[in-house]
Amino acid sequence: MPVNGTDGTRKPRVAVVFGGRSSEHAISCVTAGSVLAAIDQERYDVVAIGIARDGRWVLESGDTEQLRLDSAELPSVDGDRAAIALARVAGGTDLVVSDASRPPETLGEVDVVFPVLHGPWGEDGTIQGMLEMAGVRYVGAGVLASAVSMDKAYMKLVLAAAGLPVMPSVTVTARAWAADPDDVRRQADELGYPLFIKPARGGSSIGISKVHDASELDGGIEEALLHDPKVLVEVSAEGAREVECGVLQALDGTAETSVPAEIRITGEHEFYDFEAKYLPQEATALVVPADLPDDVAAQLRALSVRAFEAVGCEGLARVDFFVRPDGSLVLNEINTMPGFTPLSMYPQMWAATGVDYPTLVDRLLQLALARDTGLR
């Protein structure tokens, strides 16, 4: 198959894959609606593929109106639609409708997958590994970078080994908590309060608690364990500002950075939780670009590239920082498939840098089409 995904007689076919089995299913659907609306239908043949909460792959309509975020009813993939599969054939990979209620139907070759999946079983290297096995090009980070960035405990190890500053933390497994909760409490006490407790492989601030003292620790750990059997207990960066930076590869492979942006929490929210992120936005103010001294902004952008390269990212990433009152920087996390609606921070940062949303989507597709499959 030609490297650009087209033989000159047809448009490259893009499969936008969304939904998935994680707790971020609804946010993935919203992201997909925005991406589907932004892809240039004159340049690409687009097909929408949903993954239901039970893991069933289905052929979606691509109706972006059904994929909008509504606080009354979050969007989701309808698992009763026609089942679909990727089938490896000579020279490429085809989409095949494999529903038991109808004869198999080949829909044609897939040139590139845009996996707008957030959280485990999508953003963590699992679907990336499947696509690598199938020899299909895809948008975003590969298997290792996706897995490391998804697991906050290993992410911290990799970033610290690269000389990047991270907040002190301890990792708690469900087994360790059940076997010796007093030892976990001792480790938390040694870190010092307040603390944040997070599912190690979660996102969208689901399952996160701020723990102000030891009396709240057990409840915070139990809440996080509902979402992940591996939990991160992390020192709170008190008094720090939350600032983010977008990283995007150029077509020659070099990493470029956006202007940084700041999240300011208002109202009753103590931190950037799920409601503050995705429900009516009176809870947050997004300041783009962030009001930072030039030297701090430059250092933040340089550290973003170092983090991107340390975990081996490709395509895109959002790097989140704490900016302390003295101007020092601490890396919070790196996100390989950040929120991607036009109102999300990543696209807003790039819009302020001069790259609008449709151009951003097209850049990512062009990057994916240009790169080789297999080891890179």
Protein backbone atom coordinates (compact mmCIF):
# COMPACT_ATOMS: atom_id res chain seq x y z
CA MET A 1 0.00 0.00 0.00
CA PRO A 2 1.41 3.46 -0.83
CA VAL A 3 2.72 5.36 2.17
CA ASN A 4 0.09 8.09 1.92
CA GLY A 5 -2.72 5.58 2.14
CA THR A 6 -4.16 6.17 -1.32
CA ASP A 7 -3.52 4.64 -4.74
CA GLY A 8 -4.46 7.82 -6.56
CA THR A 9 -7.96 6.64 -7.48
CA ARG A 10 -9.66 7.02 -4.12
CA LYS A 11 -9.54 9.16 -1.01
CA PRO A 12 -7.75 7.84 2.08
CA ARG A 13 -10.24 6.09 4.36
CA VAL A 14 -10.29 7.24 7.98
CA ALA A 15 -11.93 5.14 10.68
CA VAL A 16 -12.78 7.24 13.74
CA VAL A 17 -12.98 4.80 16.67
CA PHE A 18 -14.65 5.95 19.88
CA GLY A 19 -16.57 4.93 22.99
CA GLY A 20 -14.81 2.03 24.68
CA ARG A 21 -15.01 0.20 27.98
CA SER A 22 -13.52 2.82 30.29
CA SER A 23 -15.32 5.25 32.58
CA GLU A 24 -14.52 7.95 30.00
CA HIS A 25 -16.84 6.38 27.40
CA ALA A 26 -19.11 9.43 27.16
CA ILE A 27 -16.23 11.89 26.82
CA SER A 28 -14.80 9.78 24.01
CA CYS A 29 -18.15 9.99 22.21
CA VAL A 30 -18.17 13.78 22.53
CA THR A 31 -14.61 13.98 21.21
CA ALA A 32 -15.57 11.78 18.26
CA GLY A 33 -18.46 14.08 17.36
CA SER A 34 -16.07 17.02 17.12
CA VAL A 35 -13.46 15.12 15.11
CA LEU A 36 -16.04 13.68 12.68
CA ALA A 37 -17.43 17.16 12.06
CA ALA A 38 -13.95 18.60 11.42
CA ILE A 39 -12.56 16.04 8.97
CA ASP A 40 -12.60 17.35 5.41
CA GLN A 41 -15.01 15.04 3.57
CA GLU A 42 -13.62 16.27 0.24
CA ARG A 43 -10.20 14.84 1.12
CA TYR A 44 -11.06 11.78 3.20
CA ASP A 45 -13.58 8.96 3.18
CA VAL A 46 -14.74 8.73 6.80
CA VAL A 47 -16.38 5.88 8.70
CA ALA A 48 -17.48 6.00 12.35
CA ILE A 49 -16.83 2.93 14.51
CA GLY A 50 -18.16 2.74 18.04
CA ILE A 51 -16.99 0.43 20.81
CA ALA A 52 -19.84 -0.33 23.21
CA ARG A 53 -19.28 -0.51 26.95
CA ASP A 54 -19.19 -4.32 26.71
CA GLY A 55 -16.42 -4.20 24.08
CA ARG A 56 -18.59 -4.86 21.02
CA TRP A 57 -17.42 -3.01 17.87
CA VAL A 58 -20.30 -1.55 15.86
CA LEU A 59 -20.82 0.52 12.75
CA GLU A 60 -22.03 3.94 13.88
CA SER A 61 -23.99 6.44 11.82
CA GLY A 62 -21.52 9.28 12.32
CA ASP A 63 -24.39 11.60 13.29
CA THR A 64 -22.53 14.25 15.27
CA GLU A 65 -25.77 15.56 16.81
CA GLN A 66 -26.07 12.27 18.71
CA LEU A 67 -22.58 12.72 20.13
CA ARG A 68 -23.04 16.01 21.95
CA LEU A 69 -22.51 16.41 25.69
CA ASP A 70 -25.73 16.93 27.57
CA SER A 71 -25.77 16.93 31.36
CA ALA A 72 -29.16 15.19 31.32
CA GLU A 73 -28.05 12.26 29.18
CA LEU A 74 -24.44 11.51 28.30
CA PRO A 75 -23.84 10.11 24.80
CA SER A 76 -22.92 6.46 24.39
CA VAL A 77 -22.36 3.83 21.72
CA ASP A 78 -25.42 1.72 20.89
CA GLY A 79 -24.22 -1.88 21.11
CA ASP A 80 -27.23 -3.13 19.16
CA ARG A 81 -25.96 -1.75 15.85
CA ALA A 82 -24.38 -3.95 13.20
CA ALA A 83 -21.16 -5.56 14.49
CA ILE A 84 -17.98 -4.72 12.63
CA ALA A 85 -14.46 -6.12 12.49
CA LEU A 86 -11.06 -5.32 11.02
CA ALA A 87 -9.99 -8.13 8.71
CA ARG A 88 -6.40 -8.46 7.50
CA VAL A 89 -6.29 -9.11 3.75
CA ALA A 90 -3.51 -9.17 1.21
CA GLY A 91 -2.13 -5.67 0.86
CA GLY A 92 -4.18 -4.04 3.58
CA THR A 93 -6.87 -4.21 6.25
CA ASP A 94 -10.58 -4.13 5.43
CA LEU A 95 -13.63 -3.21 7.46
CA VAL A 96 -16.10 -6.08 7.48
CA VAL A 97 -19.66 -6.05 8.79
CA SER A 98 -19.80 -9.36 10.65
CA ASP A 99 -23.24 -9.20 12.25
CA ALA A 100 -24.92 -12.61 12.60
CA SER A 101 -28.20 -11.18 11.30
CA ARG A 102 -26.82 -10.36 7.85
CA PRO A 103 -24.30 -11.75 5.37
CA PRO A 104 -20.70 -10.52 5.77
CA GLU A 105 -20.15 -7.26 3.92
CA THR A 106 -16.78 -5.74 3.12
CA LEU A 107 -16.81 -1.96 3.41
CA GLY A 108 -13.34 -1.41 2.00
CA GLU A 109 -9.80 -0.83 3.11
CA VAL A 110 -8.85 1.29 6.13
CA ASP A 111 -5.86 3.57 5.59
CA VAL A 112 -5.71 5.18 9.02
CA VAL A 113 -7.52 4.92 12.35
CA PHE A 114 -8.18 7.96 14.51
CA PRO A 115 -8.69 6.37 17.96
CA VAL A 116 -10.38 9.04 20.08
CA LEU A 117 -10.56 6.70 23.07
CA HIS A 118 -9.83 7.98 26.56
CA GLY A 119 -8.70 5.85 29.48
CA PRO A 120 -8.00 2.10 29.76
CA TRP A 121 -8.66 -0.20 26.78
CA GLY A 122 -7.97 2.59 24.33
CA GLU A 123 -5.55 5.26 25.44
CA ASP A 124 -3.31 2.81 27.27
CA GLY A 125 -1.66 1.00 24.38
CA THR A 126 -4.22 -1.79 24.00
CA ILE A 127 -5.87 -0.65 20.78
CA GLN A 128 -2.52 0.63 19.55
CA GLY A 129 -1.12 -2.89 19.93
CA MET A 130 -4.05 -4.36 18.05
CA LEU A 131 -3.58 -1.89 15.20
CA GLU A 132 0.14 -2.60 15.10
CA MET A 133 -0.61 -6.33 14.80
CA ALA A 134 -3.02 -5.56 11.95
CA GLY A 135 -0.53 -3.29 10.20
CA VAL A 136 -2.87 -0.29 10.31
CA ARG A 137 -1.64 3.28 10.64
CA TYR A 138 -3.19 5.30 13.45
CA VAL A 139 -3.13 8.75 15.01
CA GLY A 140 -1.16 9.34 18.17
CA ALA A 141 1.32 7.62 20.44
CA GLY A 142 2.43 4.02 20.06
CA VAL A 143 2.08 1.10 22.45
CA LEU A 144 4.80 1.90 24.97
CA ALA A 145 4.26 5.66 25.13
CA SER A 146 0.51 5.15 25.51
CA ALA A 147 0.92 2.56 28.27
CA VAL A 148 3.52 4.54 30.23
CA SER A 149 1.59 7.80 30.00
CA MET A 150 -1.67 6.14 31.04
CA ASP A 151 -0.16 4.62 34.18
CA LYS A 152 0.68 7.60 36.38
CA ALA A 153 2.96 5.56 38.64
CA TYR A 154 5.20 4.40 35.77
CA MET A 155 4.91 7.79 34.08
CA LYS A 156 6.46 9.39 37.16
CA LEU A 157 9.30 6.86 37.15
CA VAL A 158 10.11 7.56 33.50
CA LEU A 159 9.86 11.34 33.84
CA ALA A 160 11.97 11.38 37.01
CA ALA A 161 14.59 9.18 35.33
CA ALA A 162 14.74 11.77 32.54
CA GLY A 163 15.50 14.46 35.13
CA LEU A 164 12.04 16.05 35.05
CA PRO A 165 10.45 17.33 38.28
CA VAL A 166 7.43 15.41 39.64
CA MET A 167 5.42 15.51 42.87
CA PRO A 168 6.29 12.94 45.60
CA SER A 169 3.87 10.01 45.72
CA VAL A 170 3.34 6.39 46.70
CA THR A 171 1.55 3.69 44.75
CA VAL A 172 -1.09 1.57 46.48
CA THR A 173 -2.54 -1.63 45.04
CA ALA A 174 -5.82 -3.19 46.08
CA ARG A 175 -3.85 -6.17 47.38
CA ALA A 176 -1.56 -4.00 49.52
CA TRP A 177 -4.54 -2.06 50.91
CA ALA A 178 -6.35 -5.27 51.86
CA ALA A 179 -3.23 -6.91 53.33
CA ASP A 180 -1.82 -4.04 55.38
CA PRO A 181 -3.83 -0.81 55.40
CA ASP A 182 -1.84 0.49 58.37
CA ASP A 183 1.34 0.44 56.28
CA VAL A 184 -0.43 2.43 53.57
CA ARG A 185 -1.61 4.93 56.17
CA ARG A 186 1.95 5.21 57.49
CA GLN A 187 3.30 5.96 54.00
CA ALA A 188 0.61 8.58 53.47
CA ASP A 189 1.43 10.20 56.81
CA GLU A 190 5.09 10.39 55.77
CA LEU A 191 4.13 12.23 52.59
CA GLY A 192 2.16 14.78 54.62
CA TYR A 193 -1.30 16.22 54.09
CA PRO A 194 -3.13 17.42 52.06
CA LEU A 195 -2.92 14.66 49.47
CA PHE A 196 -4.58 13.78 46.19
CA ILE A 197 -5.69 10.19 45.65
CA LYS A 198 -6.11 9.13 42.03
CA PRO A 199 -6.83 5.97 40.06
CA ALA A 200 -3.40 5.28 38.58
CA ARG A 201 -4.77 4.61 35.10
CA GLY A 202 -7.81 6.87 35.03
CA GLY A 203 -8.60 10.20 33.45
CA SER A 204 -11.13 13.03 33.28
CA SER A 205 -10.65 13.40 37.06
CA ILE A 206 -12.98 10.45 37.67
CA GLY A 207 -12.41 8.86 41.08
CA ILE A 208 -10.03 11.58 42.33
CA SER A 209 -10.28 12.92 45.89
CA LYS A 210 -8.47 15.61 47.80
CA VAL A 211 -7.67 14.32 51.27
CA HIS A 212 -7.08 17.03 53.85
CA ASP A 213 -6.09 14.83 56.80
CA ALA A 214 -5.80 11.21 57.91
CA SER A 215 -9.51 10.95 58.69
CA GLU A 216 -10.31 11.23 54.96
CA LEU A 217 -7.62 8.86 53.68
CA ASP A 218 -9.52 5.57 53.80
CA GLY A 219 -12.54 7.00 52.00
CA GLY A 220 -10.34 8.49 49.28
CA ILE A 221 -8.50 5.23 48.68
CA GLU A 222 -11.74 3.23 48.61
CA GLU A 223 -13.23 5.67 46.07
CA ALA A 224 -10.21 5.44 43.78
CA LEU A 225 -10.15 1.64 44.05
CA LEU A 226 -13.68 1.55 42.63
CA HIS A 227 -12.14 2.73 39.34
CA ASP A 228 -8.71 1.07 39.36
CA PRO A 229 -7.03 -1.60 41.54
CA LYS A 230 -3.91 0.58 41.43
CA VAL A 231 -3.99 3.97 43.12
CA LEU A 232 -1.62 6.92 43.35
CA VAL A 233 -1.35 8.85 46.62
CA GLU A 234 0.33 12.16 45.79
CA VAL A 235 1.37 15.29 47.64
CA SER A 236 -0.86 18.26 46.82
CA ALA A 237 0.88 21.18 45.14
CA GLU A 238 -0.67 23.74 47.47
CA GLY A 239 -0.81 27.28 46.16
CA ALA A 240 0.29 26.23 42.67
CA ARG A 241 -1.36 27.23 39.42
CA GLU A 242 -2.45 24.54 36.95
CA VAL A 243 -0.93 25.28 33.56
CA GLU A 244 -0.95 23.09 30.44
CA CYS A 245 0.95 23.00 27.18
CA GLY A 246 0.15 21.28 23.89
CA VAL A 247 2.76 19.34 21.94
CA LEU A 248 2.25 18.56 18.25
CA GLN A 249 4.65 16.97 15.82
CA ALA A 250 5.50 18.75 12.62
CA LEU A 251 5.45 16.73 9.42
CA ASP A 252 9.24 16.35 9.67
CA GLY A 253 8.82 14.71 13.10
CA THR A 254 10.05 17.56 15.28
CA ALA A 255 7.95 18.46 18.32
CA GLU A 256 6.34 21.90 18.45
CA THR A 257 4.64 23.50 21.45
CA SER A 258 1.57 25.67 21.82
CA VAL A 259 1.24 28.70 24.02
CA PRO A 260 0.54 27.54 27.58
CA ALA A 261 -2.92 27.89 29.12
CA GLU A 262 -4.09 28.10 32.73
CA ILE A 263 -7.09 26.50 34.40
CA ARG A 264 -8.58 28.64 37.14
CA ILE A 265 -11.11 26.97 39.42
CA THR A 266 -14.01 29.13 40.55
CA GLY A 267 -17.20 28.56 42.46
CA GLU A 268 -17.51 25.62 44.86
CA HIS A 269 -14.99 23.30 43.19
CA GLU A 270 -11.79 22.83 45.16
CA PHE A 271 -9.94 21.26 42.24
CA TYR A 272 -10.42 20.44 38.54
CA ASP A 273 -12.85 17.55 38.98
CA PHE A 274 -15.14 15.91 36.39
CA GLU A 275 -17.98 18.41 36.85
CA ALA A 276 -15.63 21.37 36.56
CA LYS A 277 -14.14 19.91 33.36
CA TYR A 278 -17.20 18.87 31.43
CA LEU A 279 -20.43 20.24 32.85
CA PRO A 280 -21.60 23.90 32.72
CA GLN A 281 -18.46 25.97 32.70
CA GLU A 282 -19.21 28.50 35.42
CA ALA A 283 -16.87 26.39 37.57
CA THR A 284 -13.74 27.14 35.55
CA ALA A 285 -11.99 29.89 33.71
CA LEU A 286 -9.61 28.87 30.94
CA VAL A 287 -6.96 31.51 30.37
CA VAL A 288 -5.32 31.19 26.95
CA PRO A 289 -2.51 32.12 26.81
CA ALA A 290 -1.54 31.84 30.48
CA ASP A 291 -0.21 34.97 32.13
CA LEU A 292 3.33 33.79 32.84
CA PRO A 293 6.71 35.53 32.85
CA ASP A 294 8.48 34.93 29.55
CA ASP A 295 11.22 32.84 31.11
CA VAL A 296 8.74 30.59 32.93
CA ALA A 297 6.67 30.10 29.77
CA ALA A 298 9.80 29.25 27.78
CA GLN A 299 10.95 26.75 30.39
CA LEU A 300 7.50 25.18 30.51
CA ARG A 301 7.45 24.71 26.73
CA ALA A 302 10.95 23.22 26.78
CA LEU A 303 10.01 20.78 29.54
CA SER A 304 6.93 19.78 27.56
CA VAL A 305 9.09 18.68 24.65
CA ARG A 306 11.43 16.82 27.01
CA ALA A 307 8.47 14.97 28.54
CA PHE A 308 7.06 14.17 25.09
CA GLU A 309 10.38 12.70 24.02
CA ALA A 310 11.09 10.95 27.35
CA VAL A 311 8.05 8.68 26.99
CA GLY A 312 8.43 8.35 23.21
CA CYS A 313 5.21 10.10 22.20
CA GLU A 314 4.10 10.56 18.61
CA GLY A 315 1.57 12.90 17.05
CA LEU A 316 0.22 14.85 19.99
CA ALA A 317 0.20 15.19 23.75
CA ARG A 318 -0.90 17.61 26.41
CA VAL A 319 1.56 18.15 29.24
CA ASP A 320 0.18 19.40 32.55
CA PHE A 321 2.20 21.36 35.09
CA PHE A 322 1.98 22.95 38.50
CA VAL A 323 3.51 26.42 38.61
CA ARG A 324 4.49 27.13 42.19
CA PRO A 325 4.34 30.61 43.73
CA ASP A 326 8.12 30.98 43.31
CA GLY A 327 7.82 30.23 39.57
CA SER A 328 9.28 26.71 39.77
CA LEU A 329 7.63 24.01 37.66
CA VAL A 330 6.50 20.49 38.51
CA LEU A 331 5.16 18.06 35.92
CA ASN A 332 1.74 16.70 36.80
CA GLU A 333 1.11 14.33 33.89
CA ILE A 334 1.30 13.79 30.16
CA ASN A 335 -1.86 12.91 28.25
CA THR A 336 -1.47 11.15 24.88
CA MET A 337 -5.10 11.59 23.80
CA PRO A 338 -6.26 14.76 25.54
CA GLY A 339 -9.78 16.11 25.48
CA PHE A 340 -10.26 17.05 21.85
CA THR A 341 -13.46 19.00 21.38
CA PRO A 342 -13.02 22.57 20.09
CA LEU A 343 -13.69 23.76 23.66
CA SER A 344 -11.08 21.48 25.20
CA MET A 345 -7.80 22.94 26.37
CA TYR A 346 -5.60 21.23 23.79
CA PRO A 347 -7.38 22.62 20.70
CA GLN A 348 -7.84 25.99 22.39
CA MET A 349 -4.12 26.26 23.02
CA TRP A 350 -3.34 25.45 19.41
CA ALA A 351 -5.99 27.86 18.13
CA ALA A 352 -4.28 30.61 20.16
CA THR A 353 -0.97 29.51 18.60
CA GLY A 354 -2.36 29.83 15.08
CA VAL A 355 -3.51 26.26 14.30
CA ASP A 356 -7.31 26.03 14.05
CA TYR A 357 -9.29 22.88 14.83
CA PRO A 358 -9.76 21.49 11.28
CA THR A 359 -6.08 22.11 10.55
CA LEU A 360 -5.13 20.34 13.77
CA VAL A 361 -7.21 17.28 12.85
CA ASP A 362 -5.77 17.23 9.34
CA ARG A 363 -2.18 17.53 10.63
CA LEU A 364 -2.68 14.48 12.83
CA LEU A 365 -4.12 12.46 9.95
CA GLN A 366 -1.27 13.46 7.65
CA LEU A 367 1.29 12.51 10.32
CA ALA A 368 -0.31 9.11 10.77
CA LEU A 369 -0.53 8.44 7.03
CA ALA A 370 3.12 9.39 6.54
CA ARG A 371 4.62 7.13 9.16
CA ASP A 372 5.54 3.47 8.71
CA THR A 373 3.75 0.60 10.39
CA GLY A 374 5.74 -1.73 12.64
CA LEU A 375 8.81 -0.82 14.66
CA ARG A 376 9.86 2.81 14.36
